[in-house]
Amino acid sequence: MFSVIYGIVHAADTGWGNAATIALLVAGLGLLGLFVLGERQAKQPILPLRLFASPKRTASYVSRTLYIGVIIGFWFFASQYLHIVKGFSRILAGFAFLPMTLANFWSALYIPRLVRRIGNSRLISTVFTITIVGMLLLSRITPQSSYLWHFALPLLLLGVGLGLSQGPITTEGLAGVDAKDVGAASGITYVAMQLGATLGLAILIAVFSGANAPSLSGNALLTHRITMAFVAASILLVLSLASLTSRAADTRQCEESTRG
């Protein structure tokens, strides 16, 4: 994965047709393929591939990867916007994220109640929708945007989404797992988080670097690139939500056919 991620970041500077970029991506995907082949043949695999037999569980792993990637990318680019474009000091920029932090802790308290009321799958879909709305609102910021209305308000939505997301997504990743595979399944959920942080940021950096606008310069150009990264983050979340929704529908159909 290091080779794949570095290849994506390298492409941001040299282009996707660059020989080094192609070599890095091919090498990374090739090594990943060899790893999967080795795990398939191993008697006691580190990563039991049977864990991916459930489409719903696989979708939860993918969604966790993308969600964490989007959030890490948001922190990276939002910090630049506040510090460079808006002129916030480093300490003030840190305090500017406080609405998100408070919303995160507050919303997490309601996870058990919401799961009982609407179910785990519907809660995850709601969480992704809230996060998408917040990210799309952030994609409309300009150098002249006010902190309170154009930044803090979306932060509240992102905080609620982040606070409500991690527990239910982890539950989806462990649901229906045999006792002998619980440790491996739990490990995958946390590997997905670590992988998402690096892979998601690499993708958004590539988008950021490629978002050129010849008519803009200075803070206007930087803000444009940041908003394009936020648009890309929203697209990743939409794709993840679509995957979760379709897999949940397939699972319900299989359960209904089984009962019938």
Protein backbone atom coordinates (compact mmCIF):
# COMPACT_ATOMS: atom_id res chain seq x y z
CA MET A 1 0.00 0.00 0.00
CA PHE A 2 2.95 2.32 0.56
CA SER A 3 3.81 2.02 -3.13
CA VAL A 4 0.21 2.69 -4.22
CA ILE A 5 -0.19 5.69 -1.93
CA TYR A 6 3.17 7.16 -2.91
CA GLY A 7 2.25 6.61 -6.55
CA ILE A 8 -0.95 8.63 -6.11
CA VAL A 9 0.93 11.45 -4.37
CA HIS A 10 3.68 11.32 -7.01
CA ALA A 11 1.03 11.63 -9.73
CA ALA A 12 -0.07 14.95 -8.24
CA ASP A 13 3.30 16.44 -9.18
CA THR A 14 4.26 14.51 -12.32
CA GLY A 15 0.99 13.32 -13.82
CA TRP A 16 -0.58 9.88 -14.16
CA GLY A 17 1.38 9.10 -17.31
CA ASN A 18 4.76 9.51 -15.62
CA ALA A 19 6.88 6.33 -15.77
CA ALA A 20 7.73 6.43 -12.05
CA THR A 21 4.07 6.91 -11.14
CA ILE A 22 2.99 3.96 -13.25
CA ALA A 23 5.81 1.79 -11.86
CA LEU A 24 4.86 2.61 -8.28
CA LEU A 25 1.18 1.85 -8.85
CA VAL A 26 1.85 -1.39 -10.73
CA ALA A 27 4.35 -2.53 -8.10
CA GLY A 28 1.96 -1.74 -5.26
CA LEU A 29 -1.00 -3.49 -6.86
CA GLY A 30 1.19 -6.45 -7.80
CA LEU A 31 2.46 -6.87 -4.23
CA LEU A 32 -1.10 -6.55 -2.95
CA GLY A 33 -2.16 -9.30 -5.35
CA LEU A 34 0.67 -11.55 -4.13
CA PHE A 35 -0.42 -10.92 -0.54
CA VAL A 36 -3.98 -11.94 -1.32
CA LEU A 37 -2.74 -15.05 -3.13
CA GLY A 38 -0.58 -16.00 -0.16
CA GLU A 39 -3.44 -15.50 2.28
CA ARG A 40 -5.70 -17.65 0.12
CA GLN A 41 -3.25 -20.54 0.27
CA ALA A 42 -2.16 -20.16 3.90
CA LYS A 43 -3.51 -22.66 6.44
CA GLN A 44 -3.62 -20.00 9.16
CA PRO A 45 -3.91 -16.68 7.31
CA ILE A 46 -3.28 -13.34 8.96
CA LEU A 47 -6.21 -11.97 6.99
CA PRO A 48 -8.90 -14.63 6.48
CA LEU A 49 -10.44 -13.82 3.11
CA ARG A 50 -13.72 -15.42 4.21
CA LEU A 51 -14.37 -12.23 6.17
CA PHE A 52 -15.02 -10.53 2.83
CA ALA A 53 -17.61 -13.10 1.80
CA SER A 54 -20.33 -10.93 3.32
CA PRO A 55 -21.07 -7.99 0.96
CA LYS A 56 -22.52 -5.99 3.85
CA ARG A 57 -19.39 -6.47 5.96
CA THR A 58 -17.11 -5.65 3.04
CA ALA A 59 -19.10 -2.47 2.40
CA SER A 60 -18.59 -1.48 6.03
CA TYR A 61 -14.82 -1.87 5.67
CA VAL A 62 -14.82 0.23 2.51
CA SER A 63 -17.06 2.88 4.04
CA ARG A 64 -14.85 3.16 7.12
CA THR A 65 -11.78 3.56 4.91
CA LEU A 66 -13.37 6.31 2.83
CA TYR A 67 -15.00 8.06 5.77
CA ILE A 68 -11.78 8.35 7.75
CA GLY A 69 -9.93 9.43 4.61
CA VAL A 70 -12.42 12.23 4.07
CA ILE A 71 -12.24 13.43 7.68
CA ILE A 72 -8.42 13.42 7.73
CA GLY A 73 -8.40 15.27 4.44
CA PHE A 74 -10.85 17.80 5.85
CA TRP A 75 -8.61 18.52 8.85
CA PHE A 76 -5.59 18.89 6.58
CA PHE A 77 -7.16 21.34 4.14
CA ALA A 78 -9.38 23.20 6.61
CA SER A 79 -6.33 24.00 8.73
CA GLN A 80 -4.61 25.53 5.72
CA TYR A 81 -7.69 27.58 4.92
CA LEU A 82 -7.96 28.98 8.43
CA HIS A 83 -4.26 29.64 8.91
CA ILE A 84 -3.23 30.88 5.44
CA VAL A 85 -6.39 32.30 3.90
CA LYS A 86 -8.19 33.63 6.98
CA GLY A 87 -5.01 34.55 8.86
CA PHE A 88 -5.83 32.62 12.06
CA SER A 89 -2.90 31.94 14.36
CA ARG A 90 -2.02 28.28 14.94
CA ILE A 91 -3.67 28.30 18.36
CA LEU A 92 -6.78 30.11 17.12
CA ALA A 93 -7.06 27.73 14.17
CA GLY A 94 -7.03 24.85 16.64
CA PHE A 95 -9.77 26.41 18.73
CA ALA A 96 -11.77 27.03 15.55
CA PHE A 97 -12.43 23.28 15.36
CA LEU A 98 -14.04 23.28 18.82
CA PRO A 99 -17.64 23.21 17.49
CA MET A 100 -16.84 19.99 15.68
CA THR A 101 -15.24 18.46 18.77
CA LEU A 102 -18.18 19.34 21.01
CA ALA A 103 -20.72 18.05 18.48
CA ASN A 104 -18.67 14.86 18.17
CA PHE A 105 -18.76 14.07 21.89
CA TRP A 106 -22.41 15.15 22.28
CA SER A 107 -23.74 13.07 19.40
CA ALA A 108 -21.82 9.93 20.42
CA LEU A 109 -23.93 9.78 23.59
CA TYR A 110 -27.05 9.11 21.51
CA ILE A 111 -25.73 6.11 19.54
CA PRO A 112 -27.42 3.39 21.67
CA ARG A 113 -30.76 5.19 21.64
CA LEU A 114 -30.67 5.81 17.88
CA VAL A 115 -29.61 2.26 17.06
CA ARG A 116 -32.58 0.91 19.02
CA ARG A 117 -34.96 3.32 17.32
CA ILE A 118 -33.90 3.20 13.63
CA GLY A 119 -31.38 0.36 13.43
CA ASN A 120 -27.66 0.29 12.73
CA SER A 121 -27.81 0.38 8.93
CA ARG A 122 -30.20 3.33 8.76
CA LEU A 123 -28.14 5.23 11.29
CA ILE A 124 -25.01 4.78 9.17
CA SER A 125 -26.84 6.00 6.07
CA THR A 126 -28.09 9.04 8.00
CA VAL A 127 -24.59 9.75 9.27
CA PHE A 128 -23.13 9.69 5.77
CA THR A 129 -25.89 11.98 4.50
CA ILE A 130 -25.20 14.51 7.28
CA THR A 131 -21.48 14.42 6.53
CA ILE A 132 -22.06 14.88 2.81
CA VAL A 133 -24.20 17.96 3.45
CA GLY A 134 -21.55 19.43 5.73
CA MET A 135 -18.79 18.77 3.21
CA LEU A 136 -20.78 20.29 0.34
CA LEU A 137 -21.40 23.41 2.43
CA LEU A 138 -17.67 23.69 3.03
CA SER A 139 -17.02 23.37 -0.69
CA ARG A 140 -18.72 26.77 -1.12
CA ILE A 141 -16.31 28.76 1.06
CA THR A 142 -14.43 31.73 -0.37
CA PRO A 143 -11.62 33.91 1.01
CA GLN A 144 -14.32 36.33 2.21
CA SER A 145 -16.52 33.72 3.94
CA SER A 146 -17.35 34.32 7.58
CA TYR A 147 -16.18 31.79 10.12
CA LEU A 148 -19.50 31.56 11.97
CA TRP A 149 -21.94 30.94 9.11
CA HIS A 150 -19.78 29.40 6.41
CA PHE A 151 -17.35 27.34 8.49
CA ALA A 152 -18.61 26.71 12.04
CA LEU A 153 -22.06 25.55 10.89
CA PRO A 154 -20.69 22.83 8.58
CA LEU A 155 -18.31 21.89 11.40
CA LEU A 156 -21.31 21.05 13.58
CA LEU A 157 -22.65 18.71 10.90
CA LEU A 158 -19.28 17.03 10.47
CA GLY A 159 -18.95 16.67 14.23
CA VAL A 160 -22.36 15.01 14.53
CA GLY A 161 -21.51 12.72 11.64
CA LEU A 162 -18.16 11.73 13.08
CA GLY A 163 -19.57 11.16 16.55
CA LEU A 164 -22.35 8.90 15.29
CA SER A 165 -20.35 7.00 12.69
CA GLN A 166 -17.53 5.05 14.26
CA GLY A 167 -19.46 2.80 16.65
CA PRO A 168 -22.12 1.68 14.15
CA ILE A 169 -19.58 1.13 11.35
CA THR A 170 -17.45 -0.99 13.69
CA THR A 171 -20.54 -3.00 14.62
CA GLU A 172 -21.29 -3.65 10.94
CA GLY A 173 -17.73 -4.87 10.45
CA LEU A 174 -18.07 -7.42 13.26
CA ALA A 175 -21.67 -8.54 12.71
CA GLY A 176 -22.09 -12.22 11.94
CA VAL A 177 -18.39 -13.04 12.35
CA ASP A 178 -17.48 -16.48 13.73
CA ALA A 179 -15.85 -16.47 17.15
CA LYS A 180 -12.54 -17.68 15.70
CA ASP A 181 -12.41 -14.69 13.31
CA VAL A 182 -13.46 -11.91 15.69
CA GLY A 183 -9.87 -10.82 16.33
CA ALA A 184 -9.05 -10.65 12.63
CA ALA A 185 -12.30 -8.82 11.84
CA SER A 186 -11.61 -6.28 14.57
CA GLY A 187 -8.11 -5.82 13.19
CA ILE A 188 -9.48 -5.14 9.72
CA THR A 189 -11.71 -2.36 11.02
CA TYR A 190 -8.71 -0.57 12.51
CA VAL A 191 -6.48 -1.26 9.52
CA ALA A 192 -9.23 0.32 7.41
CA MET A 193 -9.03 3.40 9.60
CA GLN A 194 -5.24 3.68 9.27
CA LEU A 195 -5.34 2.92 5.56
CA GLY A 196 -8.14 5.39 4.98
CA ALA A 197 -6.18 8.18 6.65
CA THR A 198 -3.27 7.81 4.22
CA LEU A 199 -5.07 6.69 1.08
CA GLY A 200 -7.89 9.22 1.39
CA LEU A 201 -5.49 12.10 2.01
CA ALA A 202 -3.34 11.01 -0.94
CA ILE A 203 -6.37 11.05 -3.26
CA LEU A 204 -7.52 14.46 -2.05
CA ILE A 205 -4.00 15.89 -2.36
CA ALA A 206 -3.93 14.69 -5.97
CA VAL A 207 -7.23 16.47 -6.59
CA PHE A 208 -5.96 19.58 -4.80
CA SER A 209 -2.78 19.72 -6.87
CA GLY A 210 -4.64 19.24 -10.13
CA ALA A 211 -7.28 21.90 -9.46
CA ASN A 212 -5.69 24.72 -11.43
CA ALA A 213 -7.46 27.95 -12.35
CA PRO A 214 -5.35 30.27 -14.54
CA SER A 215 -7.51 33.28 -13.67
CA LEU A 216 -6.87 32.90 -9.92
CA SER A 217 -3.83 33.48 -7.76
CA GLY A 218 -2.82 33.76 -4.11
CA ASN A 219 -5.49 33.01 -1.53
CA ALA A 220 -8.19 32.80 -4.18
CA LEU A 221 -6.35 29.97 -5.94
CA LEU A 222 -5.62 28.19 -2.67
CA THR A 223 -9.27 28.40 -1.63
CA HIS A 224 -10.35 27.10 -5.04
CA ARG A 225 -8.08 24.09 -4.69
CA ILE A 226 -9.30 23.42 -1.16
CA THR A 227 -12.95 23.56 -2.23
CA MET A 228 -12.23 21.13 -5.08
CA ALA A 229 -10.73 18.75 -2.54
CA PHE A 230 -13.93 19.08 -0.49
CA VAL A 231 -16.02 18.34 -3.59
CA ALA A 232 -13.93 15.22 -4.20
CA ALA A 233 -14.41 14.23 -0.56
CA SER A 234 -18.18 14.57 -1.00
CA ILE A 235 -18.04 12.32 -4.07
CA LEU A 236 -16.13 9.66 -2.11
CA LEU A 237 -18.80 9.78 0.59
CA VAL A 238 -21.61 9.51 -1.98
CA LEU A 239 -19.95 6.44 -3.53
CA SER A 240 -19.53 4.89 -0.11
CA LEU A 241 -23.15 5.60 0.81
CA ALA A 242 -24.32 4.07 -2.46
CA SER A 243 -22.28 0.94 -1.75
CA LEU A 244 -23.68 0.65 1.77
CA THR A 245 -27.25 1.15 0.60
CA SER A 246 -27.03 -1.40 -2.21
CA ARG A 247 -25.35 -4.00 -0.01
CA ALA A 248 -27.95 -3.52 2.72
CA ALA A 249 -30.73 -3.98 0.16
CA ASP A 250 -29.09 -7.16 -1.16
CA THR A 251 -28.78 -8.51 2.38
CA ARG A 252 -32.46 -7.85 3.12
CA GLN A 253 -33.50 -9.58 -0.09
CA CYS A 254 -31.39 -12.63 0.76
CA GLU A 255 -32.88 -12.78 4.26
CA GLU A 256 -36.42 -12.49 2.90
CA SER A 257 -35.79 -15.20 0.30
CA THR A 258 -34.35 -17.44 3.01
CA ARG A 259 -37.44 -16.99 5.20
CA GLY A 260 -39.66 -17.63 2.23
